[in-house]
Protein backbone atom coordinates (compact mmCIF):
# COMPACT_ATOMS: atom_id res chain seq x y z
CA MET A 1 77.63 184.35 239.93
CA HIS A 2 77.22 181.82 237.01
CA ARG A 3 77.56 183.36 233.66
CA ARG A 4 74.25 182.17 232.80
CA GLN A 5 72.35 182.99 235.98
CA LEU A 6 74.24 186.58 235.78
CA LEU A 7 72.58 187.12 232.26
CA HIS A 8 69.32 185.59 233.09
CA THR A 9 68.93 188.25 235.76
CA SER A 10 69.82 191.20 233.39
CA LEU A 11 67.86 189.92 230.70
CA ALA A 12 64.60 189.25 232.84
CA ALA A 13 63.13 192.69 231.90
CA ALA A 14 64.02 192.33 228.09
CA ILE A 15 62.10 188.81 227.44
CA PRO A 16 58.43 189.11 228.46
CA ALA A 17 57.03 186.20 230.60
CA ALA A 18 55.38 183.22 228.53
CA THR A 19 51.79 183.57 229.87
CA PRO A 20 49.60 183.89 226.54
CA ALA A 21 45.86 182.87 227.18
CA ARG A 22 44.90 179.10 226.08
CA GLY A 23 44.77 178.88 222.24
CA LYS A 24 46.36 182.27 221.49
CA ALA A 25 49.65 182.96 219.99
CA ALA A 26 52.97 183.90 221.94
CA PRO A 27 53.16 187.35 223.93
CA SER A 28 55.67 188.51 221.26
CA GLY A 29 52.55 188.05 219.07
CA LEU A 30 54.45 185.37 216.67
CA GLN A 31 51.78 183.11 215.58
CA PRO A 32 53.53 179.64 214.67
CA ILE A 33 53.52 178.34 211.21
CA ASP A 34 52.37 174.55 209.75
CA TYR A 35 55.94 173.35 209.01
CA GLY A 36 54.45 170.56 207.22
CA ARG A 37 52.96 172.90 204.87
CA SER A 38 54.93 175.80 204.28
CA PHE A 39 57.13 176.52 201.54
CA LEU A 40 59.11 179.63 199.97
CA GLN A 41 59.32 179.60 196.31
CA GLY A 42 61.10 181.61 193.46
CA LYS A 43 60.13 184.04 190.98
CA TRP A 44 62.74 183.09 188.67
CA ALA A 45 61.05 181.32 185.38
CA GLU A 46 63.98 179.26 184.49
CA ASN A 47 63.64 177.36 187.68
CA ARG A 48 60.62 178.05 189.96
CA VAL A 49 62.32 176.26 192.98
CA ARG A 50 60.43 175.40 196.08
CA PHE A 51 62.00 175.22 199.67
CA TRP A 52 60.32 173.49 202.37
CA VAL A 53 60.86 175.95 205.41
CA GLU A 54 62.46 174.37 208.42
CA SER A 55 62.65 176.82 210.88
CA ARG A 56 62.04 180.85 211.14
CA THR A 57 63.90 183.42 213.19
CA ARG A 58 62.44 186.71 213.88
CA ILE A 59 64.90 189.78 214.80
CA PHE A 60 63.81 192.80 216.67
CA PRO A 61 65.87 195.91 215.88
CA PRO A 62 66.35 198.01 219.31
CA ASP A 63 64.91 201.23 217.35
CA GLY A 64 61.33 200.04 217.27
CA ALA A 65 61.69 199.28 213.65
CA ALA A 66 59.58 196.50 212.19
CA PRO A 67 60.90 193.28 212.92
CA ILE A 68 62.66 190.86 210.13
CA ASP A 69 61.68 187.33 209.71
CA TYR A 70 64.43 185.25 208.11
CA HIS A 71 63.18 181.26 206.87
CA GLN A 72 65.42 179.04 207.04
CA CYS A 73 65.13 176.20 204.56
CA ALA A 74 65.72 172.48 203.97
CA SER A 75 69.49 171.34 203.09
CA CYS A 76 69.75 169.75 199.83
CA LYS A 77 72.59 168.64 197.64
CA SER A 78 74.66 170.38 195.09
CA GLU A 79 72.96 169.57 191.93
CA ASN A 80 72.96 170.15 187.70
CA THR A 81 69.17 171.02 187.54
CA PHE A 82 67.48 170.00 184.74
CA ALA A 83 70.75 168.34 183.14
CA PRO A 84 69.69 164.67 180.89
CA LYS A 85 72.21 163.01 183.13
CA ASP A 86 74.90 162.89 186.06
CA LEU A 87 72.59 165.53 188.23
CA PHE A 88 74.91 165.47 191.08
CA HIS A 89 78.25 167.65 191.23
CA GLN A 90 81.16 165.48 191.39
CA ASP A 91 82.96 167.69 193.85
CA ASN A 92 79.32 167.73 196.10
CA TYR A 93 78.70 170.05 199.00
CA ASP A 94 75.58 170.53 201.28
CA PHE A 95 73.35 173.49 199.98
CA LEU A 96 71.46 175.23 202.35
CA PRO A 97 69.49 178.86 202.39
CA ILE A 98 68.21 181.25 204.42
CA PHE A 99 65.51 183.84 202.95
CA GLY A 100 65.05 187.48 204.42
CA PRO A 101 62.82 190.45 203.12
CA ASP A 102 65.95 192.26 201.85
CA ASP A 103 68.96 189.64 202.25
CA GLY A 104 69.50 185.95 202.06
CA VAL A 105 72.16 183.67 203.30
CA ILE A 106 73.41 180.74 201.35
CA PHE A 107 75.78 177.96 203.03
CA ARG A 108 77.54 175.61 200.87
CA ARG A 109 79.27 172.92 203.11
CA LYS A 110 82.22 170.72 201.58
CA ALA A 111 83.95 168.12 203.28
CA TRP A 112 86.73 170.82 203.77
CA LEU A 113 86.74 174.41 205.00
CA ASN A 114 85.67 175.80 202.14
CA PRO A 115 86.41 179.69 202.01
CA ASN A 116 82.84 180.22 200.30
CA TYR A 117 81.15 178.51 202.78
CA LYS A 118 78.64 181.56 203.69
CA GLN A 119 77.21 184.11 201.34
CA VAL A 120 75.03 186.50 202.18
CA ARG A 121 73.25 188.01 198.74
CA PRO A 122 70.04 190.34 197.94
CA ALA A 123 66.97 188.29 198.27
CA SER A 124 66.32 189.18 194.74
CA GLU A 125 69.16 187.71 193.37
CA LEU A 126 68.34 184.23 194.64
CA TRP A 127 65.64 182.97 192.12
CA GLY A 128 64.27 186.33 191.28
CA GLY A 129 62.91 186.65 194.78
CA GLN A 130 60.71 184.72 196.87
CA LEU A 131 56.85 183.74 197.28
CA TYR A 132 56.00 183.03 200.75
CA LYS A 133 53.63 180.39 201.30
CA LEU A 134 53.22 179.92 204.97
CA VAL A 135 50.49 178.11 206.06
CA PRO A 136 49.02 178.53 209.86
CA PRO A 137 47.83 175.84 211.77
CA ARG A 138 44.14 175.14 211.94
CA ARG A 139 44.65 175.09 215.78
CA VAL A 140 47.39 176.23 218.31
CA ARG A 141 47.59 175.49 221.95
CA LEU A 142 50.03 176.35 224.22
CA LEU A 143 51.38 173.61 226.69
CA ARG A 144 51.41 175.08 230.28
CA SER A 145 53.36 172.37 231.79
CA ASN A 146 55.39 169.40 231.47
CA ARG A 147 52.47 167.13 231.63
CA GLU A 148 50.66 169.03 228.96
CA ILE A 149 54.17 168.47 226.95
CA ARG A 150 54.26 165.08 227.55
CA GLN A 151 50.63 164.01 226.87
CA ALA A 152 50.89 166.41 223.25
CA THR A 153 54.00 163.96 222.83
CA HIS A 154 52.34 160.81 223.33
CA ALA A 155 49.32 162.29 221.42
CA GLY A 156 51.50 162.43 218.40
CA LEU A 157 50.63 165.88 217.56
CA PRO A 158 53.15 168.35 215.76
CA ILE A 159 55.03 170.65 218.44
CA VAL A 160 56.36 174.06 217.59
CA ALA A 161 59.02 175.71 219.90
CA GLN A 162 59.55 179.29 220.44
CA THR A 163 63.12 180.40 221.87
CA GLU A 164 63.16 184.11 222.67
CA ILE A 165 66.80 185.38 223.26
CA ALA A 166 67.99 188.86 224.13
CA ASN A 167 71.30 190.89 224.59
CA PRO A 168 70.69 193.87 227.34
CA GLU A 169 73.67 195.61 225.86
CA THR A 170 72.72 195.87 221.98
CA ARG A 171 68.79 195.78 222.91
CA LEU A 172 68.59 193.29 220.08
CA ARG A 173 66.05 190.47 220.62
CA ALA A 174 65.07 187.54 218.46
CA ILE A 175 62.54 184.70 218.54
CA ILE A 176 63.59 181.34 217.08
CA GLU A 177 60.89 179.27 215.69
CA PHE A 178 60.87 175.48 214.79
CA PRO A 179 59.25 172.17 214.67
CA VAL A 180 60.34 169.75 217.45
CA LYS A 181 61.99 166.99 215.46
CA THR A 182 63.20 164.80 218.55
CA MET A 183 61.35 165.36 221.82
CA ASN A 184 62.82 163.34 225.01
CA ILE A 185 60.40 162.22 227.76
CA HIS A 186 60.20 160.88 230.99
CA ASP A 187 57.00 160.32 232.66
CA THR A 188 57.83 159.04 235.91
CA ARG A 189 59.95 162.02 236.63
CA ASP A 190 57.84 164.24 234.49
CA LEU A 191 60.50 165.16 232.11
CA TYR A 192 61.06 166.69 228.70
CA GLN A 193 63.93 167.49 226.69
CA VAL A 194 63.58 169.38 223.10
CA ASP A 195 66.42 168.96 220.52
CA SER A 196 66.16 169.90 217.31
CA GLY A 197 67.66 171.73 214.25
CA PRO A 198 69.15 173.09 212.27
CA VAL A 199 67.70 176.32 213.15
CA ALA A 200 68.97 180.37 212.20
CA PHE A 201 71.04 181.23 215.26
CA PRO A 202 71.11 185.33 215.40
CA ASP A 203 74.31 186.86 216.91
CA LEU A 204 72.96 189.36 218.89
CA SER A 205 76.30 190.52 220.43
CA ARG A 206 76.64 193.52 217.90
CA ARG A 207 74.68 195.19 214.93
CA TYR A 208 75.41 193.82 211.71
CA PRO A 209 75.46 196.44 208.39
CA HIS A 210 73.16 193.30 206.94
CA PRO A 211 71.57 191.60 209.69
CA ALA A 212 71.34 188.58 207.84
CA GLU A 213 75.36 188.28 208.58
CA ALA A 214 74.17 187.67 211.98
CA LEU A 215 72.79 184.14 211.14
CA SER A 216 74.44 180.81 211.83
CA LEU A 217 73.15 177.43 211.70
CA ALA A 218 72.71 175.48 215.32
CA PHE A 219 70.78 173.11 216.88
CA VAL A 220 68.99 174.01 220.24
CA ALA A 221 67.95 171.85 223.22
CA PHE A 222 66.14 172.94 226.46
CA ASN A 223 64.13 171.09 229.40
CA ALA A 224 62.98 174.07 231.07
CA PRO A 225 61.42 177.39 230.16
CA GLY A 226 64.05 179.80 231.10
CA PHE A 227 66.94 178.75 229.14
CA ALA A 228 68.43 176.89 225.98
CA ASP A 229 71.53 175.28 224.82
CA PHE A 230 72.91 175.77 221.42
CA VAL A 231 75.54 173.97 219.32
CA ILE A 232 76.86 176.22 216.84
CA GLU A 233 78.23 175.49 213.26
CA ALA A 234 81.88 176.87 213.32
CA PRO A 235 85.38 175.57 212.08
CA ALA A 236 86.75 172.99 214.01
CA PRO A 237 89.82 170.84 213.82
CA VAL A 238 90.25 167.35 212.88
CA SER A 239 93.24 165.76 214.57
CA GLU A 240 94.91 162.69 213.76
CA SER A 241 97.65 161.38 216.20
CA GLY A 242 97.76 164.49 218.19
CA ARG A 243 98.17 166.62 215.03
CA GLU A 244 95.88 168.62 213.12
CA VAL A 245 95.50 167.65 209.57
CA THR A 246 92.66 169.64 208.64
CA ARG A 247 89.98 172.07 209.58
CA VAL A 248 86.24 171.30 208.28
CA HIS A 249 82.71 173.16 209.23
CA HIS A 250 80.92 171.19 212.34
CA TYR A 251 78.27 171.77 215.12
CA SER A 252 80.88 172.06 217.61
CA ARG A 253 80.57 175.66 219.44
CA LEU A 254 78.48 175.45 222.57
CA GLU A 255 76.53 178.62 223.72
CA SER A 256 73.99 178.45 226.84
CA LEU A 257 71.75 181.31 226.91
CA PRO A 258 68.76 182.41 229.21
CA ALA A 259 65.47 182.13 227.07
CA ALA A 260 61.70 182.38 227.32
CA ASN A 261 61.01 179.02 225.74
CA ARG A 262 57.08 178.20 225.03
CA LEU A 263 56.00 174.91 223.40
CA PHE A 264 52.69 174.92 221.20
CA ALA A 265 50.44 171.90 220.09
CA CYS A 266 49.40 172.25 216.51
CA GLU A 267 46.85 170.56 214.60
């Protein structure tokens, strides 16, 4: 049996069917947010920085404890904040934060495999903690078929996806929610395909001392309700004439998982 088929069989009981009533939230109870109007803002008086929310990952502990939400925010560049000139660092890097209730993750991606690329820190140390400014859509409608997905795409409606994954061995479960930035449509064949990211991808294969340590950056694609493919950022070799010359952080590690995918049209 194919690995994905085996996992799909073992996870069938762990992931609920995607059959909520029209206009209601997903079976998990996770109501989508309006990603065009949702932000996190720091409390630090020296810089009340505001970050645009790009995705949300909810992790469900196996002991019945309250789920933990992590909000992955938009990337920016390393900067000399409020300087009179030369606002970008000379040795520049991509800067991307993920915020949780207790811990956050900071990714600093340089052109080379820098050792301090990923740092997990208490959320209170990141701009003095965060104010959550999450806005719900005015209306949310579950898209129940490929036809409805195609119609919502052609109508120009914002679409939010929820991809639910689980690991039966660790009994960990997570919902990855994100706005659909790229949607592929084939009307004649009644097909669609989501391709979006980055998202905060949780490693559910083991329990981490700090749940934020489980998070990596990834892009996600799916074209059916029962599985999702991920390309996850990881160290990757760069070769020249057959010889490895360096290593970089790149979206390169492929993983295909059984999932319960839901798509919502938001207004």
